[in-house]
N, C-alpha and C. Protein backbone atom coordinates (compact mmCIF):
# COMPACT_ATOMS: atom_id res chain seq x y z
N MET A 1 78.12 115.69 40.63
CA MET A 1 79.10 115.37 41.75
C MET A 1 79.35 114.34 42.43
N LYS A 2 80.02 113.59 42.38
CA LYS A 2 79.95 112.47 43.97
C LYS A 2 80.20 112.55 44.96
N SER A 3 79.83 112.49 46.23
CA SER A 3 80.62 112.66 47.27
C SER A 3 81.45 111.52 47.84
N LEU A 4 82.37 112.11 48.31
CA LEU A 4 83.84 110.89 48.86
C LEU A 4 83.27 110.04 49.62
N ASN A 5 82.08 110.01 50.22
CA ASN A 5 81.51 109.24 51.34
C ASN A 5 80.64 108.22 50.71
N ALA A 6 80.68 108.22 49.64
CA ALA A 6 79.34 107.44 48.93
C ALA A 6 79.87 106.13 48.18
N SER A 7 80.98 105.64 49.10
CA SER A 7 81.70 104.38 47.98
C SER A 7 80.89 103.27 48.89
N PRO A 8 80.32 102.66 47.85
CA PRO A 8 79.45 101.64 47.64
C PRO A 8 80.32 99.99 49.06
N LEU A 9 81.69 100.27 49.13
CA LEU A 9 82.24 99.31 50.25
C LEU A 9 82.37 100.21 51.54
N ARG A 10 81.93 101.16 51.69
CA ARG A 10 82.78 101.39 53.26
C ARG A 10 81.55 100.79 54.44
N ILE A 11 82.19 100.47 55.13
CA ILE A 11 81.33 99.98 56.31
C ILE A 11 81.01 100.98 57.92
N PRO A 12 79.57 101.07 57.79
CA PRO A 12 79.62 101.76 58.74
C PRO A 12 80.85 101.60 60.00
N VAL A 13 81.02 102.81 60.99
CA VAL A 13 81.77 102.77 62.08
C VAL A 13 81.33 101.65 63.15
N TRP A 14 80.22 101.52 63.70
CA TRP A 14 79.89 101.03 64.78
C TRP A 14 79.88 99.57 64.14
N LEU A 15 79.85 98.95 62.95
CA LEU A 15 80.10 97.78 62.61
C LEU A 15 81.25 97.21 62.59
N GLY A 16 82.17 98.17 61.97
CA GLY A 16 83.92 97.75 62.27
C GLY A 16 84.16 97.68 63.47
N LEU A 17 83.89 98.68 64.57
CA LEU A 17 83.73 98.63 66.30
C LEU A 17 83.63 97.36 66.31
N CYS A 18 82.55 96.67 66.49
CA CYS A 18 82.11 95.21 66.95
C CYS A 18 82.92 94.29 66.45
N LEU A 19 83.46 94.28 64.99
CA LEU A 19 84.07 93.47 64.57
C LEU A 19 85.30 93.68 65.13
N PHE A 20 85.94 94.64 65.70
CA PHE A 20 86.95 94.53 66.02
C PHE A 20 87.17 94.14 67.64
N LEU A 21 85.99 94.62 68.31
CA LEU A 21 85.69 94.22 69.84
C LEU A 21 85.34 92.41 69.77
N ALA A 22 84.95 91.80 68.74
CA ALA A 22 84.64 90.17 68.44
C ALA A 22 86.10 89.42 68.38
N ILE A 23 86.89 90.13 67.82
CA ILE A 23 88.21 89.59 67.28
C ILE A 23 89.04 89.86 68.51
N ALA A 24 89.13 91.13 69.11
CA ALA A 24 89.95 91.42 70.47
C ALA A 24 89.68 89.81 71.17
N THR A 25 87.99 90.14 71.57
CA THR A 25 87.67 89.25 72.77
C THR A 25 87.89 87.87 72.44
N PHE A 26 88.35 87.30 71.06
CA PHE A 26 88.17 85.78 71.05
C PHE A 26 90.08 85.53 71.72
N PHE A 27 90.64 86.60 70.55
CA PHE A 27 92.29 86.44 71.27
C PHE A 27 92.42 86.45 72.32
N LEU A 28 91.98 87.38 73.50
CA LEU A 28 92.09 87.67 75.13
C LEU A 28 91.74 86.10 75.49
N TRP A 29 90.15 85.78 75.29
CA TRP A 29 89.96 84.64 76.01
C TRP A 29 90.71 83.61 75.95
N GLU A 30 91.41 83.22 74.22
CA GLU A 30 92.52 82.35 74.17
C GLU A 30 93.35 82.45 74.72
N GLU A 31 94.15 83.61 74.91
CA GLU A 31 95.07 83.15 76.09
C GLU A 31 94.95 83.63 77.26
N HIS A 32 93.77 83.89 77.65
CA HIS A 32 94.13 83.94 78.90
C HIS A 32 92.83 83.14 79.84
N LYS A 33 92.38 82.10 79.09
CA LYS A 33 91.05 81.42 79.40
C LYS A 33 91.42 80.56 80.85
N ALA A 34 92.57 80.42 81.03
CA ALA A 34 93.02 79.40 82.33
C ALA A 34 92.86 80.37 83.65
N HIS A 35 93.02 81.80 83.45
CA HIS A 35 93.63 82.91 84.01
C HIS A 35 92.32 83.16 84.75
N ILE A 36 91.27 83.40 83.72
CA ILE A 36 89.84 83.87 83.56
C ILE A 36 88.70 82.91 84.67
N LEU A 37 89.24 81.56 83.86
CA LEU A 37 88.19 80.54 84.94
C LEU A 37 88.78 80.08 85.96
N GLY A 38 90.35 80.26 86.65
CA GLY A 38 90.76 80.24 87.70
C GLY A 38 90.57 81.12 89.07
N ALA A 39 89.87 82.36 88.15
CA ALA A 39 89.52 83.41 89.18
C ALA A 39 88.12 83.69 89.21
N LEU A 40 87.27 82.79 88.43
CA LEU A 40 85.69 83.09 88.74
C LEU A 40 85.46 82.46 90.20
N PRO A 41 85.98 81.36 90.60
CA PRO A 41 85.13 80.99 92.10
C PRO A 41 85.42 82.40 93.39
N TYR A 42 86.59 83.29 93.00
CA TYR A 42 87.01 84.15 93.85
C TYR A 42 85.78 84.95 93.45
N VAL A 43 85.80 85.33 92.02
CA VAL A 43 84.57 86.44 91.96
C VAL A 43 83.35 86.70 92.37
N LEU A 44 82.78 85.21 92.27
CA LEU A 44 81.51 84.77 92.73
C LEU A 44 81.25 84.84 94.10
N LEU A 45 82.30 84.47 94.95
CA LEU A 45 82.56 84.78 96.45
C LEU A 45 82.73 86.47 96.89
N LEU A 46 82.89 87.20 96.04
CA LEU A 46 83.20 88.66 96.09
C LEU A 46 82.15 89.39 95.74
N LEU A 47 81.23 88.81 94.85
CA LEU A 47 79.94 89.25 94.78
C LEU A 47 78.80 89.53 95.97
N CYS A 48 79.26 88.44 96.49
CA CYS A 48 78.06 87.66 97.86
C CYS A 48 77.59 89.24 98.97
N PRO A 49 78.69 89.92 99.01
CA PRO A 49 78.35 90.82 99.82
C PRO A 49 77.37 91.94 98.98
N ILE A 50 77.96 92.42 97.73
CA ILE A 50 77.53 93.27 96.44
C ILE A 50 76.14 92.50 96.98
N ILE A 51 75.73 91.41 96.34
CA ILE A 51 74.13 90.80 96.72
C ILE A 51 73.60 91.23 97.30
N HIS A 52 73.85 91.08 98.81
CA HIS A 52 73.55 91.26 99.92
C HIS A 52 72.81 92.51 100.19
N LEU A 53 74.12 93.33 99.63
CA LEU A 53 73.58 94.46 99.87
C LEU A 53 72.36 95.09 99.24
N PHE A 54 72.54 94.90 97.94
CA PHE A 54 70.84 94.64 96.78
C PHE A 54 69.64 94.22 97.39
N MET A 55 69.80 93.06 98.00
CA MET A 55 68.61 92.67 98.29
C MET A 55 68.00 93.26 99.58
N HIS A 56 68.86 93.74 100.68
CA HIS A 56 68.18 94.90 101.70
C HIS A 56 67.81 95.70 101.07
N ARG A 57 67.59 96.37 99.86
CA ARG A 57 67.21 98.03 99.76
C ARG A 57 65.70 97.78 99.96
N GLY A 58 65.42 98.58 100.69
CA GLY A 58 63.85 98.75 100.07
C GLY A 58 63.40 98.31 101.78
N HIS A 59 63.82 97.69 102.94
CA HIS A 59 63.48 97.09 103.67
C HIS A 59 64.13 97.65 105.00
N GLY A 60 64.66 98.41 104.75
CA GLY A 60 65.41 99.02 106.16
C GLY A 60 66.63 97.98 107.22
N GLY A 61 67.07 96.95 106.45
CA GLY A 61 67.98 96.37 106.85
C GLY A 61 67.75 95.03 107.92
N HIS A 62 68.95 94.96 108.55
CA HIS A 62 68.66 93.47 109.72
C HIS A 62 67.71 94.10 110.48
N GLY A 63 67.28 93.20 111.53
CA GLY A 63 66.68 93.44 112.68
C GLY A 63 65.57 94.54 113.02
N ALA A 64 65.07 94.97 111.28
CA ALA A 64 63.94 96.01 111.65
C ALA A 64 62.66 95.41 111.60
N GLY A 65 61.79 95.39 112.17
CA GLY A 65 60.11 94.54 111.68
C GLY A 65 59.78 95.01 110.66
N HIS A 66 58.82 94.14 110.23
CA HIS A 66 58.37 94.19 108.91
C HIS A 66 56.92 94.24 109.20
N SER A 67 56.20 95.41 108.46
CA SER A 67 54.38 95.13 108.59
C SER A 67 54.03 93.81 107.56
N GLY A 68 53.00 93.47 108.31
CA GLY A 68 52.42 92.29 107.61
C GLY A 68 51.13 93.28 107.03
N PRO A 69 50.23 92.30 106.18
CA PRO A 69 49.22 92.64 105.43
C PRO A 69 48.14 93.62 105.84
N GLU A 70 47.79 93.21 107.35
CA GLU A 70 47.21 94.12 108.14
C GLU A 70 47.41 95.33 109.30
N GLY A 71 48.57 95.52 108.41
CA GLY A 71 49.66 97.16 109.31
C GLY A 71 50.16 96.46 110.88
N HIS A 72 50.25 94.94 111.62
CA HIS A 72 50.39 94.60 112.63
C HIS A 72 52.23 94.20 112.37
N THR A 73 52.88 94.34 112.90
CA THR A 73 54.27 94.48 113.26
C THR A 73 54.82 92.58 113.50
N ARG A 74 55.82 91.91 112.23
CA ARG A 74 55.72 90.72 112.79
C ARG A 74 57.53 90.52 113.17
N HIS A 75 57.80 90.02 113.96
CA HIS A 75 59.14 89.93 114.10
C HIS A 75 59.99 88.04 113.18
N HIS A 76 61.41 88.17 113.23
CA HIS A 76 61.99 87.27 112.40
C HIS A 76 61.54 86.02 113.13
N ALA A 77 61.94 86.11 114.35
CA ALA A 77 62.01 85.16 115.75
C ALA A 77 60.83 85.39 116.84
N GLY A 78 60.27 84.23 117.48
CA GLY A 78 59.73 84.02 118.52
C GLY A 78 57.81 84.51 118.27
N GLY A 79 57.15 84.84 118.73
CA GLY A 79 55.53 84.30 118.56
C GLY A 79 54.95 85.46 117.75
N ASP A 80 53.60 85.34 117.89
CA ASP A 80 52.66 86.02 117.11
C ASP A 80 52.67 87.29 117.40
N ALA A 81 52.99 88.41 117.13
CA ALA A 81 53.07 89.52 117.83
C ALA A 81 51.56 90.75 117.51
N SER A 82 51.00 89.78 117.46
CA SER A 82 49.30 90.89 117.22
C SER A 82 48.88 91.28 118.15
């Protein structure tokens, strides 16, 4: 006896979902292209603070001294701190 799930025309669920998402993305892009492209400069400006936060990860933020290769502290402005 054959199972009902063994049909040769049945496609995997993930493939059907990907196909549906591709079609939906195409129609959304075609209908809202002007809105999306018009908002793009503002989105890039809003990303600047987020990128700034990620760039300061791991060194303590603004104004903190940084250790050089010999363990000496160097400062952003001003002479040599050796």
